[in-house]
PDB file of N, CA and C in Angstrom:
ATOM      1  N   MET A   1      28.219  89.896 -75.864  1.00  0.00           N
ATOM      2  CA  MET A   1      28.999  88.664 -75.765  1.00  0.00           C
ATOM      3  C   MET A   1      28.263  87.675 -74.928  1.00  0.00           C
ATOM      4  N   ILE A   2      28.213  86.375 -75.375  1.00  0.00           N
ATOM      5  CA  ILE A   2      27.540  85.382 -74.741  1.00  0.00           C
ATOM      6  C   ILE A   2      28.536  84.756 -73.630  1.00  0.00           C
ATOM      7  N   LEU A   3      28.000  84.610 -72.391  1.00  0.00           N
ATOM      8  CA  LEU A   3      28.866  83.933 -71.447  1.00  0.00           C
ATOM      9  C   LEU A   3      28.428  82.435 -71.495  1.00  0.00           C
ATOM     10  N   ASN A   4      29.352  81.585 -71.167  1.00  0.00           N
ATOM     11  CA  ASN A   4      29.054  80.120 -71.287  1.00  0.00           C
ATOM     12  C   ASN A   4      28.804  79.717 -72.736  1.00  0.00           C
ATOM     13  N   LYS A   5      29.715  80.242 -73.553  1.00  0.00           N
ATOM     14  CA  LYS A   5      29.709  79.854 -74.928  1.00  0.00           C
ATOM     15  C   LYS A   5      29.862  78.382 -75.172  1.00  0.00           C
ATOM     16  N   PRO A   6      29.149  77.861 -76.194  1.00  0.00           N
ATOM     17  CA  PRO A   6      29.354  76.452 -76.572  1.00  0.00           C
ATOM     18  C   PRO A   6      30.801  76.301 -77.203  1.00  0.00           C
ATOM     19  N   VAL A   7      31.354  75.150 -77.050  1.00  0.00           N
ATOM     20  CA  VAL A   7      32.546  74.801 -77.766  1.00  0.00           C
ATOM     21  C   VAL A   7      32.224  74.006 -79.080  1.00  0.00           C
ATOM     22  N   VAL A   8      32.552  74.484 -80.144  1.00  0.00           N
ATOM     23  CA  VAL A   8      32.202  73.915 -81.462  1.00  0.00           C
ATOM     24  C   VAL A   8      33.539  73.188 -81.964  1.00  0.00           C
ATOM     25  N   TRP A   9      33.442  71.883 -82.105  1.00  0.00           N
ATOM     26  CA  TRP A   9      34.517  71.039 -82.605  1.00  0.00           C
ATOM     27  C   TRP A   9      34.404  70.831 -84.085  1.00  0.00           C
ATOM     28  N   LEU A  10      35.432  71.378 -84.797  1.00  0.00           N
ATOM     29  CA  LEU A  10      35.433  71.199 -86.285  1.00  0.00           C
ATOM     30  C   LEU A  10      36.192  69.975 -86.675  1.00  0.00           C
ATOM     31  N   HIS A  11      37.152  69.562 -85.760  1.00  0.00           N
ATOM     32  CA  HIS A  11      37.869  68.348 -86.031  1.00  0.00           C
ATOM     33  C   HIS A  11      38.594  67.897 -84.767  1.00  0.00           C
ATOM     34  N   ASN A  12      38.796  66.631 -84.590  1.00  0.00           N
ATOM     35  CA  ASN A  12      39.555  66.033 -83.526  1.00  0.00           C
ATOM     36  C   ASN A  12      38.821  66.161 -82.190  1.00  0.00           C
ATOM     37  N   GLU A  13      39.485  65.662 -81.146  1.00  0.00           N
ATOM     38  CA  GLU A  13      38.896  65.699 -79.868  1.00  0.00           C
ATOM     39  C   GLU A  13      39.976  65.599 -78.809  1.00  0.00           C
ATOM     40  N   ILE A  14      39.641  65.825 -77.501  1.00  0.00           N
ATOM     41  CA  ILE A  14      40.627  65.649 -76.411  1.00  0.00           C
ATOM     42  C   ILE A  14      40.080  64.418 -75.650  1.00  0.00           C
ATOM     43  N   LYS A  15      40.897  63.438 -75.640  1.00  0.00           N
ATOM     44  CA  LYS A  15      40.456  62.241 -74.864  1.00  0.00           C
ATOM     45  C   LYS A  15      41.700  61.532 -74.366  1.00  0.00           C
ATOM     46  N   THR A  16      41.553  60.627 -73.368  1.00  0.00           N
ATOM     47  CA  THR A  16      42.510  59.850 -72.826  1.00  0.00           C
ATOM     48  C   THR A  16      42.349  58.422 -73.240  1.00  0.00           C
ATOM     49  N   PRO A  17      43.438  57.792 -73.892  1.00  0.00           N
ATOM     50  CA  PRO A  17      44.532  58.370 -74.576  1.00  0.00           C
ATOM     51  C   PRO A  17      44.165  59.088 -75.878  1.00  0.00           C
ATOM     52  N   PRO A  18      45.025  59.831 -76.481  1.00  0.00           N
ATOM     53  CA  PRO A  18      46.438  59.982 -76.292  1.00  0.00           C
ATOM     54  C   PRO A  18      46.817  60.938 -75.202  1.00  0.00           C
ATOM     55  N   PHE A  19      45.925  61.893 -74.840  1.00  0.00           N
ATOM     56  CA  PHE A  19      46.212  62.814 -73.720  1.00  0.00           C
ATOM     57  C   PHE A  19      46.301  61.993 -72.351  1.00  0.00           C
ATOM     58  N   SER A  20      47.132  62.371 -71.441  1.00  0.00           N
ATOM     59  CA  SER A  20      47.037  61.843 -70.190  1.00  0.00           C
ATOM     60  C   SER A  20      45.860  62.390 -69.525  1.00  0.00           C
ATOM     61  N   ARG A  21      45.449  61.767 -68.423  1.00  0.00           N
ATOM     62  CA  ARG A  21      44.273  62.318 -67.677  1.00  0.00           C
ATOM     63  C   ARG A  21      44.495  63.739 -67.221  1.00  0.00           C
ATOM     64  N   GLU A  22      45.734  64.034 -66.781  1.00  0.00           N
ATOM     65  CA  GLU A  22      46.088  65.354 -66.211  1.00  0.00           C
ATOM     66  C   GLU A  22      46.022  66.445 -67.371  1.00  0.00           C
ATOM     67  N   ALA A  23      46.549  66.029 -68.525  1.00  0.00           N
ATOM     68  CA  ALA A  23      46.489  66.973 -69.716  1.00  0.00           C
ATOM     69  C   ALA A  23      45.150  67.202 -70.193  1.00  0.00           C
ATOM     70  N   ARG A  24      44.327  66.133 -70.153  1.00  0.00           N
ATOM     71  CA  ARG A  24      42.889  66.242 -70.595  1.00  0.00           C
ATOM     72  C   ARG A  24      42.121  67.171 -69.639  1.00  0.00           C
ATOM     73  N   LEU A  25      42.334  66.971 -68.305  1.00  0.00           N
ATOM     74  CA  LEU A  25      41.686  67.892 -67.353  1.00  0.00           C
ATOM     75  C   LEU A  25      42.148  69.393 -67.530  1.00  0.00           C
ATOM     76  N   LYS A  26      43.448  69.527 -67.706  1.00  0.00           N
ATOM     77  CA  LYS A  26      44.011  70.901 -67.869  1.00  0.00           C
ATOM     78  C   LYS A  26      43.382  71.526 -69.106  1.00  0.00           C
ATOM     79  N   SER A  27      43.299  70.807 -70.194  1.00  0.00           N
ATOM     80  CA  SER A  27      42.650  71.285 -71.455  1.00  0.00           C
ATOM     81  C   SER A  27      41.188  71.678 -71.197  1.00  0.00           C
ATOM     82  N   GLY A  28      40.493  70.795 -70.509  1.00  0.00           N
ATOM     83  CA  GLY A  28      39.060  71.120 -70.209  1.00  0.00           C
ATOM     84  C   GLY A  28      38.946  72.372 -69.336  1.00  0.00           C
ATOM     85  N   PHE A  29      39.742  72.524 -68.351  1.00  0.00           N
ATOM     86  CA  PHE A  29      39.809  73.688 -67.482  1.00  0.00           C
ATOM     87  C   PHE A  29      40.003  75.010 -68.309  1.00  0.00           C
ATOM     88  N   LEU A  30      40.982  74.995 -69.200  1.00  0.00           N
ATOM     89  CA  LEU A  30      41.336  76.127 -69.979  1.00  0.00           C
ATOM     90  C   LEU A  30      40.121  76.486 -70.965  1.00  0.00           C
ATOM     91  N   LEU A  31      39.551  75.406 -71.537  1.00  0.00           N
ATOM     92  CA  LEU A  31      38.403  75.652 -72.520  1.00  0.00           C
ATOM     93  C   LEU A  31      37.255  76.230 -71.713  1.00  0.00           C
ATOM     94  N   ARG A  32      37.039  75.708 -70.509  1.00  0.00           N
ATOM     95  CA  ARG A  32      35.952  76.270 -69.634  1.00  0.00           C
ATOM     96  C   ARG A  32      36.152  77.741 -69.328  1.00  0.00           C
ATOM     97  N   GLU A  33      37.317  78.105 -69.034  1.00  0.00           N
ATOM     98  CA  GLU A  33      37.619  79.571 -68.858  1.00  0.00           C
ATOM     99  C   GLU A  33      37.301  80.384 -70.109  1.00  0.00           C
ATOM    100  N   LEU A  34      37.632  79.895 -71.230  1.00  0.00           N
ATOM    101  CA  LEU A  34      37.311  80.575 -72.521  1.00  0.00           C
ATOM    102  C   LEU A  34      35.728  80.616 -72.630  1.00  0.00           C
ATOM    103  N   GLN A  35      35.063  79.575 -72.377  1.00  0.00           N
ATOM    104  CA  GLN A  35      33.597  79.561 -72.421  1.00  0.00           C
ATOM    105  C   GLN A  35      33.011  80.719 -71.608  1.00  0.00           C
ATOM    106  N   LEU A  36      33.618  80.907 -70.416  1.00  0.00           N
ATOM    107  CA  LEU A  36      33.071  81.912 -69.471  1.00  0.00           C
ATOM    108  C   LEU A  36      33.583  83.334 -69.830  1.00  0.00           C
ATOM    109  N   GLY A  37      34.226  83.504 -70.967  1.00  0.00           N
ATOM    110  CA  GLY A  37      34.647  84.790 -71.428  1.00  0.00           C
ATOM    111  C   GLY A  37      35.952  85.291 -70.948  1.00  0.00           C
ATOM    112  N   GLU A  38      36.779  84.398 -70.334  1.00  0.00           N
ATOM    113  CA  GLU A  38      38.085  84.862 -69.838  1.00  0.00           C
ATOM    114  C   GLU A  38      39.045  84.942 -71.017  1.00  0.00           C
ATOM    115  N   SER A  39      39.972  85.851 -70.941  1.00  0.00           N
ATOM    116  CA  SER A  39      40.996  85.918 -71.958  1.00  0.00           C
ATOM    117  C   SER A  39      42.272  85.258 -71.396  1.00  0.00           C
ATOM    118  N   LEU A  40      42.808  84.291 -72.110  1.00  0.00           N
ATOM    119  CA  LEU A  40      44.051  83.565 -71.697  1.00  0.00           C
ATOM    120  C   LEU A  40      45.224  84.137 -72.359  1.00  0.00           C
ATOM    121  N   GLU A  41      46.292  84.116 -71.599  1.00  0.00           N
ATOM    122  CA  GLU A  41      47.573  84.669 -72.094  1.00  0.00           C
ATOM    123  C   GLU A  41      48.689  83.657 -71.938  1.00  0.00           C
ATOM    124  N   MET A  42      49.906  83.982 -72.377  1.00  0.00           N
ATOM    125  CA  MET A  42      51.083  83.156 -72.179  1.00  0.00           C
ATOM    126  C   MET A  42      51.191  82.813 -70.685  1.00  0.00           C
ATOM    127  N   PRO A  43      51.629  81.671 -70.358  1.00  0.00           N
ATOM    128  CA  PRO A  43      52.058  80.549 -71.187  1.00  0.00           C
ATOM    129  C   PRO A  43      50.940  79.645 -71.669  1.00  0.00           C
ATOM    130  N   GLU A  44      49.688  79.899 -71.222  1.00  0.00           N
ATOM    131  CA  GLU A  44      48.659  78.955 -71.605  1.00  0.00           C
ATOM    132  C   GLU A  44      48.142  79.109 -73.052  1.00  0.00           C
ATOM    133  N   SER A  45      48.218  80.330 -73.531  1.00  0.00           N
ATOM    134  CA  SER A  45      47.646  80.641 -74.882  1.00  0.00           C
ATOM    135  C   SER A  45      48.437  81.819 -75.510  1.00  0.00           C
ATOM    136  N   ARG A  46      48.495  81.708 -76.817  1.00  0.00           N
ATOM    137  CA  ARG A  46      49.115  82.821 -77.577  1.00  0.00           C
ATOM    138  C   ARG A  46      48.356  83.061 -78.871  1.00  0.00           C
ATOM    139  N   PRO A  47      48.343  84.279 -79.306  1.00  0.00           N
ATOM    140  CA  PRO A  47      47.601  84.613 -80.550  1.00  0.00           C
ATOM    141  C   PRO A  47      48.194  83.883 -81.779  1.00  0.00           C
ATOM    142  N   MET A  48      47.377  83.554 -82.734  1.00  0.00           N
ATOM    143  CA  MET A  48      47.852  82.968 -83.971  1.00  0.00           C
ATOM    144  C   MET A  48      47.355  83.791 -85.172  1.00  0.00           C
ATOM    145  N   PRO A  49      47.865  85.012 -85.355  1.00  0.00           N
ATOM    146  CA  PRO A  49      47.329  85.806 -86.487  1.00  0.00           C
ATOM    147  C   PRO A  49      47.670  85.222 -87.836  1.00  0.00           C
ATOM    148  N   SER A  50      48.611  84.298 -87.898  1.00  0.00           N
ATOM    149  CA  SER A  50      48.970  83.661 -89.173  1.00  0.00           C
ATOM    150  C   SER A  50      47.749  82.818 -89.650  1.00  0.00           C
ATOM    151  N   ILE A  51      46.915  82.380 -88.727  1.00  0.00           N
ATOM    152  CA  ILE A  51      45.721  81.620 -89.107  1.00  0.00           C
ATOM    153  C   ILE A  51      44.515  82.536 -89.372  1.00  0.00           C
ATOM    154  N   GLY A  52      44.357  83.476 -88.470  1.00  0.00           N
ATOM    155  CA  GLY A  52      43.189  84.469 -88.766  1.00  0.00           C
ATOM    156  C   GLY A  52      42.981  85.247 -87.489  1.00  0.00           C
ATOM    157  N   LYS A  53      42.006  86.204 -87.624  1.00  0.00           N
ATOM    158  CA  LYS A  53      41.641  87.028 -86.451  1.00  0.00           C
ATOM    159  C   LYS A  53      40.985  86.210 -85.444  1.00  0.00           C
ATOM    160  N   ARG A  54      41.282  86.574 -84.193  1.00  0.00           N
ATOM    161  CA  ARG A  54      40.672  85.928 -83.045  1.00  0.00           C
ATOM    162  C   ARG A  54      41.149  84.492 -82.881  1.00  0.00           C
ATOM    163  N   CYS A  55      42.168  84.060 -83.575  1.00  0.00           N
ATOM    164  CA  CYS A  55      42.684  82.686 -83.523  1.00  0.00           C
ATOM    165  C   CYS A  55      43.805  82.594 -82.479  1.00  0.00           C
ATOM    166  N   HIS A  56      43.857  81.539 -81.752  1.00  0.00           N
ATOM    167  CA  HIS A  56      44.868  81.378 -80.643  1.00  0.00           C
ATOM    168  C   HIS A  56      45.233  79.893 -80.650  1.00  0.00           C
ATOM    169  N   GLU A  57      46.312  79.636 -79.834  1.00  0.00           N
ATOM    170  CA  GLU A  57      46.818  78.333 -79.668  1.00  0.00           C
ATOM    171  C   GLU A  57      46.965  78.034 -78.235  1.00  0.00           C
ATOM    172  N   LEU A  58      46.118  77.090 -77.686  1.00  0.00           N
ATOM    173  CA  LEU A  58      46.337  76.683 -76.323  1.00  0.00           C
ATOM    174  C   LEU A  58      47.507  75.770 -76.240  1.00  0.00           C
ATOM    175  N   ARG A  59      48.228  75.880 -75.185  1.00  0.00           N
ATOM    176  CA  ARG A  59      49.495  75.136 -74.992  1.00  0.00           C
ATOM    177  C   ARG A  59      49.274  74.275 -73.700  1.00  0.00           C
ATOM    178  N   VAL A  60      49.359  72.938 -73.922  1.00  0.00           N
ATOM    179  CA  VAL A  60      49.146  72.042 -72.738  1.00  0.00           C
ATOM    180  C   VAL A  60      50.268  71.063 -72.736  1.00  0.00           C
ATOM    181  N   VAL A  61      51.105  71.187 -71.610  1.00  0.00           N
ATOM    182  CA  VAL A  61      52.292  70.273 -71.461  1.00  0.00           C
ATOM    183  C   VAL A  61      51.790  69.018 -70.793  1.00  0.00           C
ATOM    184  N   ASP A  62      51.982  67.959 -71.457  1.00  0.00           N
ATOM    185  CA  ASP A  62      51.607  66.663 -70.933  1.00  0.00           C
ATOM    186  C   ASP A  62      52.784  65.887 -70.401  1.00  0.00           C
ATOM    187  N   LYS A  63      53.023  66.105 -69.168  1.00  0.00           N
ATOM    188  CA  LYS A  63      54.237  65.474 -68.502  1.00  0.00           C
ATOM    189  C   LYS A  63      54.273  63.989 -68.493  1.00  0.00           C
ATOM    190  N   ASP A  64      53.106  63.372 -68.423  1.00  0.00           N
ATOM    191  CA  ASP A  64      53.072  61.923 -68.422  1.00  0.00           C
ATOM    192  C   ASP A  64      53.473  61.297 -69.763  1.00  0.00           C
ATOM    193  N   THR A  65      53.210  61.984 -70.806  1.00  0.00           N
ATOM    194  CA  THR A  65      53.514  61.371 -72.137  1.00  0.00           C
ATOM    195  C   THR A  65      54.728  62.083 -72.791  1.00  0.00           C
ATOM    196  N   ASN A  66      55.233  63.117 -72.134  1.00  0.00           N
ATOM    197  CA  ASN A  66      56.344  63.957 -72.668  1.00  0.00           C
ATOM    198  C   ASN A  66      56.009  64.612 -73.981  1.00  0.00           C
ATOM    199  N   LYS A  67      54.677  65.001 -74.098  1.00  0.00           N
ATOM    200  CA  LYS A  67      54.263  65.737 -75.294  1.00  0.00           C
ATOM    201  C   LYS A  67      53.806  67.056 -74.922  1.00  0.00           C
ATOM    202  N   THR A  68      53.838  67.989 -75.917  1.00  0.00           N
ATOM    203  CA  THR A  68      53.243  69.333 -75.740  1.00  0.00           C
ATOM    204  C   THR A  68      52.118  69.371 -76.725  1.00  0.00           C
ATOM    205  N   TRP A  69      50.863  69.481 -76.232  1.00  0.00           N
ATOM    206  CA  TRP A  69      49.695  69.533 -77.098  1.00  0.00           C
ATOM    207  C   TRP A  69      49.318  70.979 -77.434  1.00  0.00           C
ATOM    208  N   ARG A  70      48.815  71.112 -78.590  1.00  0.00           N
ATOM    209  CA  ARG A  70      48.270  72.386 -79.094  1.00  0.00           C
ATOM    210  C   ARG A  70      46.900  72.264 -79.442  1.00  0.00           C
ATOM    211  N   ILE A  71      46.091  73.220 -79.042  1.00  0.00           N
ATOM    212  CA  ILE A  71      44.600  73.278 -79.463  1.00  0.00           C
ATOM    213  C   ILE A  71      44.454  74.614 -80.115  1.00  0.00           C
ATOM    214  N   ILE A  72      44.239  74.528 -81.413  1.00  0.00           N
ATOM    215  CA  ILE A  72      44.038  75.809 -82.162  1.00  0.00           C
ATOM    216  C   ILE A  72      42.529  76.141 -82.110  1.00  0.00           C
ATOM    217  N   TYR A  73      42.260  77.415 -81.683  1.00  0.00           N
ATOM    218  CA  TYR A  73      40.825  77.804 -81.506  1.00  0.00           C
ATOM    219  C   TYR A  73      40.641  79.217 -81.943  1.00  0.00           C
ATOM    220  N   ARG A  74      39.379  79.526 -82.135  1.00  0.00           N
ATOM    221  CA  ARG A  74      38.952  80.931 -82.481  1.00  0.00           C
ATOM    222  C   ARG A  74      37.892  81.314 -81.555  1.00  0.00           C
ATOM    223  N   VAL A  75      38.001  82.569 -81.025  1.00  0.00           N
ATOM    224  CA  VAL A  75      36.957  83.126 -80.151  1.00  0.00           C
ATOM    225  C   VAL A  75      35.966  83.863 -80.997  1.00  0.00           C
ATOM    226  N   ASP A  76      34.744  83.385 -81.107  1.00  0.00           N
ATOM    227  CA  ASP A  76      33.621  84.089 -81.783  1.00  0.00           C
ATOM    228  C   ASP A  76      32.760  84.657 -80.723  1.00  0.00           C
ATOM    229  N   ASP A  77      31.853  85.519 -81.165  1.00  0.00           N
ATOM    230  CA  ASP A  77      30.920  86.113 -80.206  1.00  0.00           C
ATOM    231  C   ASP A  77      29.963  85.079 -79.569  1.00  0.00           C
ATOM    232  N   ASP A  78      29.679  83.985 -80.305  1.00  0.00           N
ATOM    233  CA  ASP A  78      28.739  82.989 -79.881  1.00  0.00           C
ATOM    234  C   ASP A  78      29.298  81.614 -79.533  1.00  0.00           C
ATOM    235  N   ALA A  79      30.583  81.454 -79.753  1.00  0.00           N
ATOM    236  CA  ALA A  79      31.146  80.099 -79.486  1.00  0.00           C
ATOM    237  C   ALA A  79      32.705  80.208 -79.480  1.00  0.00           C
ATOM    238  N   ILE A  80      33.215  79.141 -78.949  1.00  0.00           N
ATOM    239  CA  ILE A  80      34.781  78.862 -79.072  1.00  0.00           C
ATOM    240  C   ILE A  80      34.897  77.765 -80.072  1.00  0.00           C
ATOM    241  N   VAL A  81      35.497  78.061 -81.185  1.00  0.00           N
ATOM    242  CA  VAL A  81      35.569  77.167 -82.289  1.00  0.00           C
ATOM    243  C   VAL A  81      36.912  76.477 -82.368  1.00  0.00           C
ATOM    244  N   ILE A  82      36.898  75.113 -82.134  1.00  0.00           N
ATOM    245  CA  ILE A  82      38.104  74.367 -82.154  1.00  0.00           C
ATOM    246  C   ILE A  82      38.501  73.928 -83.500  1.00  0.00           C
ATOM    247  N   LEU A  83      39.666  74.376 -84.013  1.00  0.00           N
ATOM    248  CA  LEU A  83      40.013  74.103 -85.413  1.00  0.00           C
ATOM    249  C   LEU A  83      40.969  72.884 -85.547  1.00  0.00           C
ATOM    250  N   GLU A  84      41.874  72.608 -84.541  1.00  0.00           N
ATOM    251  CA  GLU A  84      42.764  71.467 -84.660  1.00  0.00           C
ATOM    252  C   GLU A  84      43.302  71.189 -83.217  1.00  0.00           C
ATOM    253  N   VAL A  85      43.685  69.949 -83.026  1.00  0.00           N
ATOM    254  CA  VAL A  85      44.326  69.507 -81.878  1.00  0.00           C
ATOM    255  C   VAL A  85      45.442  68.610 -82.267  1.00  0.00           C
ATOM    256  N   PHE A  86      46.703  68.864 -81.891  1.00  0.00           N
ATOM    257  CA  PHE A  86      47.836  68.085 -82.367  1.00  0.00           C
ATOM    258  C   PHE A  86      49.045  68.164 -81.366  1.00  0.00           C
ATOM    259  N   PRO A  87      49.864  67.140 -81.309  1.00  0.00           N
ATOM    260  CA  PRO A  87      51.105  67.281 -80.492  1.00  0.00           C
ATOM    261  C   PRO A  87      52.136  68.036 -81.240  1.00  0.00           C
ATOM    262  N   LYS A  88      52.686  69.072 -80.617  1.00  0.00           N
ATOM    263  CA  LYS A  88      53.639  69.979 -81.309  1.00  0.00           C
ATOM    264  C   LYS A  88      55.004  69.401 -81.036  1.00  0.00           C
ATOM    265  N   LYS A  89      55.772  69.183 -82.182  1.00  0.00           N
ATOM    266  CA  LYS A  89      57.057  68.557 -82.029  1.00  0.00           C
ATOM    267  C   LYS A  89      58.171  69.526 -82.419  1.00  0.00           C
ATOM    268  N   THR A  90      57.857  70.697 -83.081  1.00  0.00           N
ATOM    269  CA  THR A  90      58.800  71.639 -83.513  1.00  0.00           C
ATOM    270  C   THR A  90      58.470  72.974 -82.938  1.00  0.00           C
ATOM    271  N   GLU A  91      59.439  73.904 -82.988  1.00  0.00           N
ATOM    272  CA  GLU A  91      59.153  75.276 -82.489  1.00  0.00           C
ATOM    273  C   GLU A  91      57.991  75.973 -83.260  1.00  0.00           C
ATOM    274  N   GLN A  92      58.084  75.827 -84.583  1.00  0.00           N
ATOM    275  CA  GLN A  92      57.008  76.525 -85.426  1.00  0.00           C
ATOM    276  C   GLN A  92      55.831  75.520 -85.700  1.00  0.00           C
ATOM    277  N   THR A  93      54.675  76.201 -85.808  1.00  0.00           N
ATOM    278  CA  THR A  93      53.485  75.463 -86.143  1.00  0.00           C
ATOM    279  C   THR A  93      53.668  74.988 -87.562  1.00  0.00           C
ATOM    280  N   PRO A  94      53.467  73.718 -87.907  1.00  0.00           N
ATOM    281  CA  PRO A  94      53.649  73.290 -89.264  1.00  0.00           C
ATOM    282  C   PRO A  94      52.722  74.017 -90.245  1.00  0.00           C
ATOM    283  N   LYS A  95      53.200  74.335 -91.398  1.00  0.00           N
ATOM    284  CA  LYS A  95      52.437  74.981 -92.431  1.00  0.00           C
ATOM    285  C   LYS A  95      51.130  74.185 -92.766  1.00  0.00           C
ATOM    286  N   LYS A  96      51.238  72.915 -92.818  1.00  0.00           N
ATOM    287  CA  LYS A  96      50.083  72.042 -93.114  1.00  0.00           C
ATOM    288  C   LYS A  96      48.971  72.324 -92.062  1.00  0.00           C
ATOM    289  N   VAL A  97      49.285  72.491 -90.816  1.00  0.00           N
ATOM    290  CA  VAL A  97      48.307  72.793 -89.772  1.00  0.00           C
ATOM    291  C   VAL A  97      47.691  74.128 -89.938  1.00  0.00           C
ATOM    292  N   ILE A  98      48.510  75.125 -90.285  1.00  0.00           N
ATOM    293  CA  ILE A  98      48.023  76.450 -90.562  1.00  0.00           C
ATOM    294  C   ILE A  98      47.024  76.485 -91.685  1.00  0.00           C
ATOM    295  N   ASP A  99      47.410  75.834 -92.847  1.00  0.00           N
ATOM    296  CA  ASP A  99      46.587  75.791 -93.970  1.00  0.00           C
ATOM    297  C   ASP A  99      45.289  75.047 -93.702  1.00  0.00           C
ATOM    298  N   THR A 100      45.354  73.954 -92.930  1.00  0.00           N
ATOM    299  CA  THR A 100      44.157  73.206 -92.664  1.00  0.00           C
ATOM    300  C   THR A 100      43.218  74.026 -91.792  1.00  0.00           C
ATOM    301  N   CYS A 101      43.738  74.722 -90.833  1.00  0.00           N
ATOM    302  CA  CYS A 101      42.900  75.615 -89.989  1.00  0.00           C
ATOM    303  C   CYS A 101      42.265  76.680 -90.794  1.00  0.00           C
ATOM    304  N   LYS A 102      42.998  77.307 -91.698  1.00  0.00           N
ATOM    305  CA  LYS A 102      42.417  78.356 -92.585  1.00  0.00           C
ATOM    306  C   LYS A 102      41.204  77.842 -93.397  1.00  0.00           C
ATOM    307  N   LYS A 103      41.418  76.521 -93.907  1.00  0.00           N
ATOM    308  CA  LYS A 103      40.360  75.973 -94.718  1.00  0.00           C
ATOM    309  C   LYS A 103      39.081  75.680 -93.917  1.00  0.00           C
ATOM    310  N   ARG A 104      39.361  75.184 -92.666  1.00  0.00           N
ATOM    311  CA  ARG A 104      38.185  74.907 -91.794  1.00  0.00           C
ATOM    312  C   ARG A 104      37.447  76.194 -91.399  1.00  0.00           C
ATOM    313  N   ILE A 105      38.181  77.313 -91.091  1.00  0.00           N
ATOM    314  CA  ILE A 105      37.522  78.574 -90.852  1.00  0.00           C
ATOM    315  C   ILE A 105      36.722  78.969 -92.008  1.00  0.00           C
ATOM    316  N   LYS A 106      37.253  78.984 -93.200  1.00  0.00           N
ATOM    317  CA  LYS A 106      36.553  79.377 -94.368  1.00  0.00           C
ATOM    318  C   LYS A 106      35.264  78.555 -94.532  1.00  0.00           C
ATOM    319  N   ARG A 107      35.376  77.293 -94.418  1.00  0.00           N
ATOM    320  CA  ARG A 107      34.196  76.417 -94.577  1.00  0.00           C
ATOM    321  C   ARG A 107      33.121  76.707 -93.441  1.00  0.00           C
ATOM    322  N   TYR A 108      33.592  76.819 -92.154  1.00  0.00           N
ATOM    323  CA  TYR A 108      32.696  77.110 -91.137  1.00  0.00           C
ATOM    324  C   TYR A 108      32.021  78.487 -91.250  1.00  0.00           C
ATOM    325  N   ASP A 109      32.722  79.460 -91.716  1.00  0.00           N
ATOM    326  CA  ASP A 109      32.146  80.789 -91.944  1.00  0.00           C
ATOM    327  C   ASP A 109      31.172  80.900 -93.088  1.00  0.00           C
ATOM    328  N   SER A 110      31.243  79.857 -94.001  1.00  0.00           N
ATOM    329  CA  SER A 110      30.368  79.920 -95.129  1.00  0.00           C
ATOM    330  C   SER A 110      29.076  79.228 -94.806  1.00  0.00           C
ATOM    331  N   LEU A 111      28.882  78.570 -93.674  1.00  0.00           N
ATOM    332  CA  LEU A 111      27.691  77.949 -93.299  1.00  0.00           C
ATOM    333  C   LEU A 111      26.534  78.881 -92.872  1.00  0.00           C
TER     334      LEU A 111
END
């Protein structure tokens, strides 16, 4: 396993705005922990087997904007792959987001 794995962005980004500065820093801190090989658990991260193996959802509460951000990622041996970033408005992850992430994984793995 590679420590200090690169973060590979397949889509979107974390920036201020729309993230508040605090939420952007929290996201960066959590991604840095993943890069260093840390395993994150609830409440920061939860597995997303509906998307694929090694896929997870970072959960970042943005108190300044009253939004809860989700960062869908996969932990590979050589990288942290970011599949999607979106504000979550419902309890369940939208089917469109799940389908989009699956397509991005398939395309990424075929390279």
